[in-house]
Amino acid sequence: MADERGASTAVFLAFLSGAAMGAVMGLLLAPQTGSESRDRLRGYARRAETDLRDLAGRAGEAFEEVVGQGKEFVESNRSALREAFDAGREAMKRERGRIQDEGTERG
């Protein structure tokens, strides 16, 4: 799910960048006065800033949601994770004891 959001964000940013570059090129090549072109560029810049702030806000919300889901997963599976960790530790102790016993029997 997070990968899909990242891909969507990348596509949106690429689209936004392409649109901005196309708008700038169109203004630079258009037959209008310099002040009209500057006014249009300011308008595009304001809209791009607003769009980027909105995108950043949505990205932040998505990040917080994913972090929250991760915390929920850990909380809900904490006891299972603890049991698995303890079982692994016990298995390691048994194996270490077995190896030590084999070494003592040989020596």
N, C-alpha and C. Protein backbone atom coordinates (compact mmCIF):
# COMPACT_ATOMS: atom_id res chain seq x y z
N MET A 1 0.82 -1.18 0.00
CA MET A 1 0.00 0.00 0.00
C MET A 1 0.87 1.25 0.00
N ALA A 2 1.93 1.25 0.82
CA ALA A 2 2.82 2.40 0.88
C ALA A 2 3.56 2.58 -0.44
N ASP A 3 3.91 1.47 -1.10
CA ASP A 3 4.59 1.56 -2.39
C ASP A 3 3.69 2.20 -3.44
N GLU A 4 2.41 1.87 -3.40
CA GLU A 4 1.47 2.45 -4.36
C GLU A 4 1.36 3.95 -4.15
N ARG A 5 1.35 4.38 -2.90
CA ARG A 5 1.27 5.81 -2.61
C ARG A 5 2.53 6.52 -3.09
N GLY A 6 3.68 5.89 -2.86
CA GLY A 6 4.94 6.48 -3.31
C GLY A 6 4.97 6.62 -4.82
N ALA A 7 4.49 5.60 -5.51
CA ALA A 7 4.46 5.65 -6.98
C ALA A 7 3.48 6.72 -7.45
N SER A 8 2.33 6.82 -6.79
CA SER A 8 1.35 7.84 -7.16
C SER A 8 1.91 9.23 -6.94
N THR A 9 2.62 9.40 -5.85
CA THR A 9 3.23 10.70 -5.55
C THR A 9 4.28 11.05 -6.59
N ALA A 10 5.09 10.08 -6.97
CA ALA A 10 6.12 10.32 -7.97
C ALA A 10 5.51 10.69 -9.31
N VAL A 11 4.44 9.99 -9.69
CA VAL A 11 3.77 10.30 -10.96
C VAL A 11 3.18 11.70 -10.91
N PHE A 12 2.55 12.04 -9.78
CA PHE A 12 1.96 13.37 -9.65
C PHE A 12 3.03 14.45 -9.72
N LEU A 13 4.16 14.24 -9.04
CA LEU A 13 5.24 15.24 -9.08
C LEU A 13 5.82 15.36 -10.49
N ALA A 14 5.96 14.25 -11.19
CA ALA A 14 6.47 14.30 -12.56
C ALA A 14 5.49 15.06 -13.45
N PHE A 15 4.21 14.80 -13.28
CA PHE A 15 3.19 15.51 -14.05
C PHE A 15 3.22 17.00 -13.74
N LEU A 16 3.30 17.33 -12.46
CA LEU A 16 3.33 18.73 -12.05
C LEU A 16 4.57 19.43 -12.60
N SER A 17 5.71 18.77 -12.55
CA SER A 17 6.95 19.36 -13.08
C SER A 17 6.84 19.57 -14.58
N GLY A 18 6.32 18.59 -15.29
CA GLY A 18 6.14 18.72 -16.73
C GLY A 18 5.18 19.83 -17.09
N ALA A 19 4.10 19.93 -16.34
CA ALA A 19 3.13 20.99 -16.60
C ALA A 19 3.75 22.36 -16.35
N ALA A 20 4.52 22.47 -15.29
CA ALA A 20 5.16 23.75 -14.97
C ALA A 20 6.16 24.13 -16.06
N MET A 21 6.96 23.17 -16.50
CA MET A 21 7.95 23.46 -17.55
C MET A 21 7.25 23.83 -18.85
N GLY A 22 6.17 23.13 -19.17
CA GLY A 22 5.41 23.45 -20.38
C GLY A 22 4.82 24.85 -20.30
N ALA A 23 4.32 25.22 -19.13
CA ALA A 23 3.74 26.55 -18.96
C ALA A 23 4.81 27.63 -19.11
N VAL A 24 5.97 27.39 -18.52
CA VAL A 24 7.06 28.37 -18.63
C VAL A 24 7.49 28.51 -20.09
N MET A 25 7.66 27.41 -20.80
CA MET A 25 8.06 27.48 -22.20
C MET A 25 6.99 28.18 -23.04
N GLY A 26 5.73 27.89 -22.75
CA GLY A 26 4.65 28.54 -23.48
C GLY A 26 4.65 30.05 -23.26
N LEU A 27 4.92 30.45 -22.03
CA LEU A 27 4.96 31.88 -21.74
C LEU A 27 6.17 32.56 -22.39
N LEU A 28 7.29 31.87 -22.38
CA LEU A 28 8.49 32.46 -22.95
C LEU A 28 8.37 32.62 -24.47
N LEU A 29 7.64 31.73 -25.09
CA LEU A 29 7.51 31.77 -26.54
C LEU A 29 6.25 32.51 -27.02
N ALA A 30 5.38 32.90 -26.07
CA ALA A 30 4.13 33.57 -26.45
C ALA A 30 4.37 35.04 -26.81
N PRO A 31 3.57 35.55 -27.73
CA PRO A 31 3.72 36.95 -28.15
C PRO A 31 2.95 37.90 -27.21
N GLN A 32 3.51 38.14 -26.03
CA GLN A 32 2.90 39.07 -25.09
C GLN A 32 3.98 39.91 -24.44
N THR A 33 3.56 40.92 -23.72
CA THR A 33 4.54 41.80 -23.10
C THR A 33 5.22 41.10 -21.94
N GLY A 34 6.34 41.64 -21.55
CA GLY A 34 7.09 41.07 -20.43
C GLY A 34 6.31 41.10 -19.13
N SER A 35 5.60 42.19 -18.87
CA SER A 35 4.85 42.28 -17.61
C SER A 35 3.70 41.27 -17.59
N GLU A 36 3.04 41.07 -18.73
CA GLU A 36 1.98 40.06 -18.79
C GLU A 36 2.55 38.66 -18.53
N SER A 37 3.70 38.38 -19.11
CA SER A 37 4.35 37.08 -18.91
C SER A 37 4.73 36.89 -17.45
N ARG A 38 5.29 37.94 -16.84
CA ARG A 38 5.68 37.84 -15.43
C ARG A 38 4.46 37.61 -14.54
N ASP A 39 3.37 38.30 -14.84
CA ASP A 39 2.14 38.11 -14.05
C ASP A 39 1.63 36.68 -14.17
N ARG A 40 1.66 36.16 -15.38
CA ARG A 40 1.23 34.77 -15.56
C ARG A 40 2.15 33.80 -14.83
N LEU A 41 3.46 34.04 -14.92
CA LEU A 41 4.41 33.17 -14.21
C LEU A 41 4.17 33.21 -12.71
N ARG A 42 3.90 34.39 -12.16
CA ARG A 42 3.60 34.51 -10.72
C ARG A 42 2.35 33.68 -10.38
N GLY A 43 1.35 33.78 -11.23
CA GLY A 43 0.13 33.00 -11.00
C GLY A 43 0.40 31.51 -11.01
N TYR A 44 1.18 31.05 -11.99
CA TYR A 44 1.54 29.63 -12.04
C TYR A 44 2.35 29.23 -10.82
N ALA A 45 3.26 30.09 -10.41
CA ALA A 45 4.10 29.78 -9.25
C ALA A 45 3.24 29.67 -7.99
N ARG A 46 2.28 30.57 -7.84
CA ARG A 46 1.39 30.51 -6.66
C ARG A 46 0.58 29.21 -6.66
N ARG A 47 0.04 28.86 -7.83
CA ARG A 47 -0.73 27.61 -7.91
C ARG A 47 0.15 26.40 -7.64
N ALA A 48 1.37 26.41 -8.19
CA ALA A 48 2.29 25.29 -7.95
C ALA A 48 2.63 25.19 -6.47
N GLU A 49 2.85 26.33 -5.84
CA GLU A 49 3.16 26.33 -4.40
C GLU A 49 2.00 25.75 -3.61
N THR A 50 0.80 26.17 -3.94
CA THR A 50 -0.39 25.66 -3.25
C THR A 50 -0.52 24.16 -3.46
N ASP A 51 -0.33 23.71 -4.69
CA ASP A 51 -0.43 22.28 -4.99
C ASP A 51 0.63 21.48 -4.24
N LEU A 52 1.86 22.00 -4.20
CA LEU A 52 2.94 21.30 -3.51
C LEU A 52 2.68 21.25 -2.00
N ARG A 53 2.17 22.33 -1.43
CA ARG A 53 1.85 22.32 0.01
C ARG A 53 0.76 21.28 0.30
N ASP A 54 -0.23 21.23 -0.58
CA ASP A 54 -1.29 20.25 -0.42
C ASP A 54 -0.74 18.83 -0.52
N LEU A 55 0.11 18.60 -1.51
CA LEU A 55 0.73 17.29 -1.68
C LEU A 55 1.59 16.92 -0.47
N ALA A 56 2.36 17.88 0.03
CA ALA A 56 3.19 17.62 1.20
C ALA A 56 2.32 17.28 2.41
N GLY A 57 1.21 17.98 2.55
CA GLY A 57 0.30 17.68 3.65
C GLY A 57 -0.27 16.29 3.55
N ARG A 58 -0.69 15.92 2.34
CA ARG A 58 -1.23 14.57 2.15
C ARG A 58 -0.16 13.51 2.36
N ALA A 59 1.07 13.79 1.92
CA ALA A 59 2.16 12.84 2.14
C ALA A 59 2.43 12.67 3.63
N GLY A 60 2.41 13.77 4.36
CA GLY A 60 2.61 13.70 5.81
C GLY A 60 1.52 12.89 6.49
N GLU A 61 0.27 13.10 6.06
CA GLU A 61 -0.84 12.33 6.62
C GLU A 61 -0.69 10.85 6.31
N ALA A 62 -0.29 10.54 5.08
CA ALA A 62 -0.10 9.14 4.69
C ALA A 62 1.01 8.51 5.51
N PHE A 63 2.10 9.26 5.74
CA PHE A 63 3.21 8.75 6.54
C PHE A 63 2.75 8.46 7.96
N GLU A 64 2.01 9.40 8.54
CA GLU A 64 1.51 9.21 9.90
C GLU A 64 0.59 8.00 9.98
N GLU A 65 -0.21 7.81 8.95
CA GLU A 65 -1.11 6.66 8.93
C GLU A 65 -0.33 5.35 8.88
N VAL A 66 0.70 5.29 8.05
CA VAL A 66 1.51 4.08 7.94
C VAL A 66 2.24 3.81 9.26
N VAL A 67 2.77 4.85 9.87
CA VAL A 67 3.45 4.68 11.16
C VAL A 67 2.45 4.18 12.20
N GLY A 68 1.26 4.74 12.19
CA GLY A 68 0.22 4.29 13.12
C GLY A 68 -0.14 2.83 12.91
N GLN A 69 -0.25 2.43 11.65
CA GLN A 69 -0.56 1.03 11.36
C GLN A 69 0.58 0.11 11.82
N GLY A 70 1.81 0.57 11.66
CA GLY A 70 2.95 -0.21 12.14
C GLY A 70 2.92 -0.37 13.65
N LYS A 71 2.60 0.71 14.34
CA LYS A 71 2.51 0.63 15.81
C LYS A 71 1.39 -0.31 16.24
N GLU A 72 0.25 -0.23 15.55
CA GLU A 72 -0.86 -1.13 15.86
C GLU A 72 -0.46 -2.58 15.64
N PHE A 73 0.26 -2.84 14.55
CA PHE A 73 0.69 -4.21 14.25
C PHE A 73 1.61 -4.72 15.36
N VAL A 74 2.56 -3.89 15.77
CA VAL A 74 3.49 -4.31 16.82
C VAL A 74 2.74 -4.54 18.12
N GLU A 75 1.84 -3.63 18.46
CA GLU A 75 1.08 -3.78 19.70
C GLU A 75 0.23 -5.04 19.68
N SER A 76 -0.44 -5.29 18.56
CA SER A 76 -1.33 -6.44 18.49
C SER A 76 -0.56 -7.76 18.46
N ASN A 77 0.66 -7.72 17.99
CA ASN A 77 1.46 -8.96 17.88
C ASN A 77 2.60 -9.01 18.88
N ARG A 78 2.60 -8.10 19.84
CA ARG A 78 3.70 -8.04 20.80
C ARG A 78 3.88 -9.35 21.54
N SER A 79 2.79 -9.94 22.06
CA SER A 79 2.93 -11.17 22.82
C SER A 79 3.43 -12.31 21.94
N ALA A 80 2.95 -12.39 20.71
CA ALA A 80 3.43 -13.44 19.80
C ALA A 80 4.90 -13.23 19.48
N LEU A 81 5.29 -11.97 19.27
CA LEU A 81 6.70 -11.69 18.99
C LEU A 81 7.57 -12.03 20.21
N ARG A 82 7.09 -11.69 21.39
CA ARG A 82 7.84 -11.99 22.61
C ARG A 82 7.99 -13.50 22.79
N GLU A 83 6.89 -14.25 22.57
CA GLU A 83 6.95 -15.71 22.69
C GLU A 83 7.93 -16.30 21.68
N ALA A 84 7.91 -15.79 20.45
CA ALA A 84 8.83 -16.30 19.43
C ALA A 84 10.27 -15.97 19.81
N PHE A 85 10.50 -14.79 20.33
CA PHE A 85 11.84 -14.41 20.76
C PHE A 85 12.31 -15.30 21.90
N ASP A 86 11.44 -15.52 22.89
CA ASP A 86 11.80 -16.38 24.02
C ASP A 86 12.06 -17.81 23.58
N ALA A 87 11.24 -18.31 22.65
CA ALA A 87 11.44 -19.67 22.16
C ALA A 87 12.77 -19.78 21.42
N GLY A 88 13.11 -18.77 20.65
CA GLY A 88 14.40 -18.77 19.96
C GLY A 88 15.55 -18.73 20.92
N ARG A 89 15.43 -17.94 21.97
CA ARG A 89 16.49 -17.86 22.98
C ARG A 89 16.67 -19.20 23.68
N GLU A 90 15.55 -19.84 24.03
CA GLU A 90 15.62 -21.15 24.69
C GLU A 90 16.24 -22.20 23.77
N ALA A 91 15.87 -22.17 22.51
CA ALA A 91 16.44 -23.13 21.55
C ALA A 91 17.94 -22.91 21.41
N MET A 92 18.36 -21.66 21.42
CA MET A 92 19.79 -21.35 21.33
C MET A 92 20.52 -21.87 22.58
N LYS A 93 19.93 -21.69 23.75
CA LYS A 93 20.55 -22.20 24.99
C LYS A 93 20.67 -23.72 24.95
N ARG A 94 19.60 -24.39 24.52
CA ARG A 94 19.64 -25.86 24.44
C ARG A 94 20.72 -26.32 23.48
N GLU A 95 20.81 -25.67 22.33
CA GLU A 95 21.80 -26.06 21.33
C GLU A 95 23.21 -25.80 21.85
N ARG A 96 23.40 -24.69 22.52
CA ARG A 96 24.71 -24.38 23.10
C ARG A 96 25.09 -25.43 24.15
N GLY A 97 24.11 -25.83 24.97
CA GLY A 97 24.36 -26.86 25.98
C GLY A 97 24.68 -28.20 25.34
N ARG A 98 23.97 -28.53 24.27
CA ARG A 98 24.23 -29.79 23.57
C ARG A 98 25.63 -29.80 22.99
N ILE A 99 26.04 -28.69 22.41
CA ILE A 99 27.39 -28.60 21.81
C ILE A 99 28.45 -28.71 22.89
N GLN A 100 28.21 -28.07 24.02
CA GLN A 100 29.17 -28.15 25.14
C GLN A 100 29.25 -29.58 25.68
N ASP A 101 28.09 -30.28 25.78
CA ASP A 101 28.08 -31.65 26.26
C ASP A 101 28.84 -32.56 25.31
N GLU A 102 28.69 -32.37 24.02
CA GLU A 102 29.42 -33.18 23.03
C GLU A 102 30.91 -32.94 23.15
N GLY A 103 31.30 -31.69 23.40
CA GLY A 103 32.71 -31.38 23.54
C GLY A 103 33.30 -32.00 24.80
N THR A 104 32.51 -32.06 25.86
CA THR A 104 32.98 -32.65 27.11
C THR A 104 33.12 -34.16 26.97
N GLU A 105 32.18 -34.79 26.27
CA GLU A 105 32.24 -36.24 26.07
C GLU A 105 33.44 -36.64 25.24
N ARG A 106 33.83 -35.82 24.29
CA ARG A 106 34.97 -36.13 23.40
C ARG A 106 36.28 -35.92 24.12
N GLY A 107 36.31 -34.93 24.99
CA GLY A 107 37.57 -34.54 25.61
C GLY A 107 37.92 -35.30 26.79
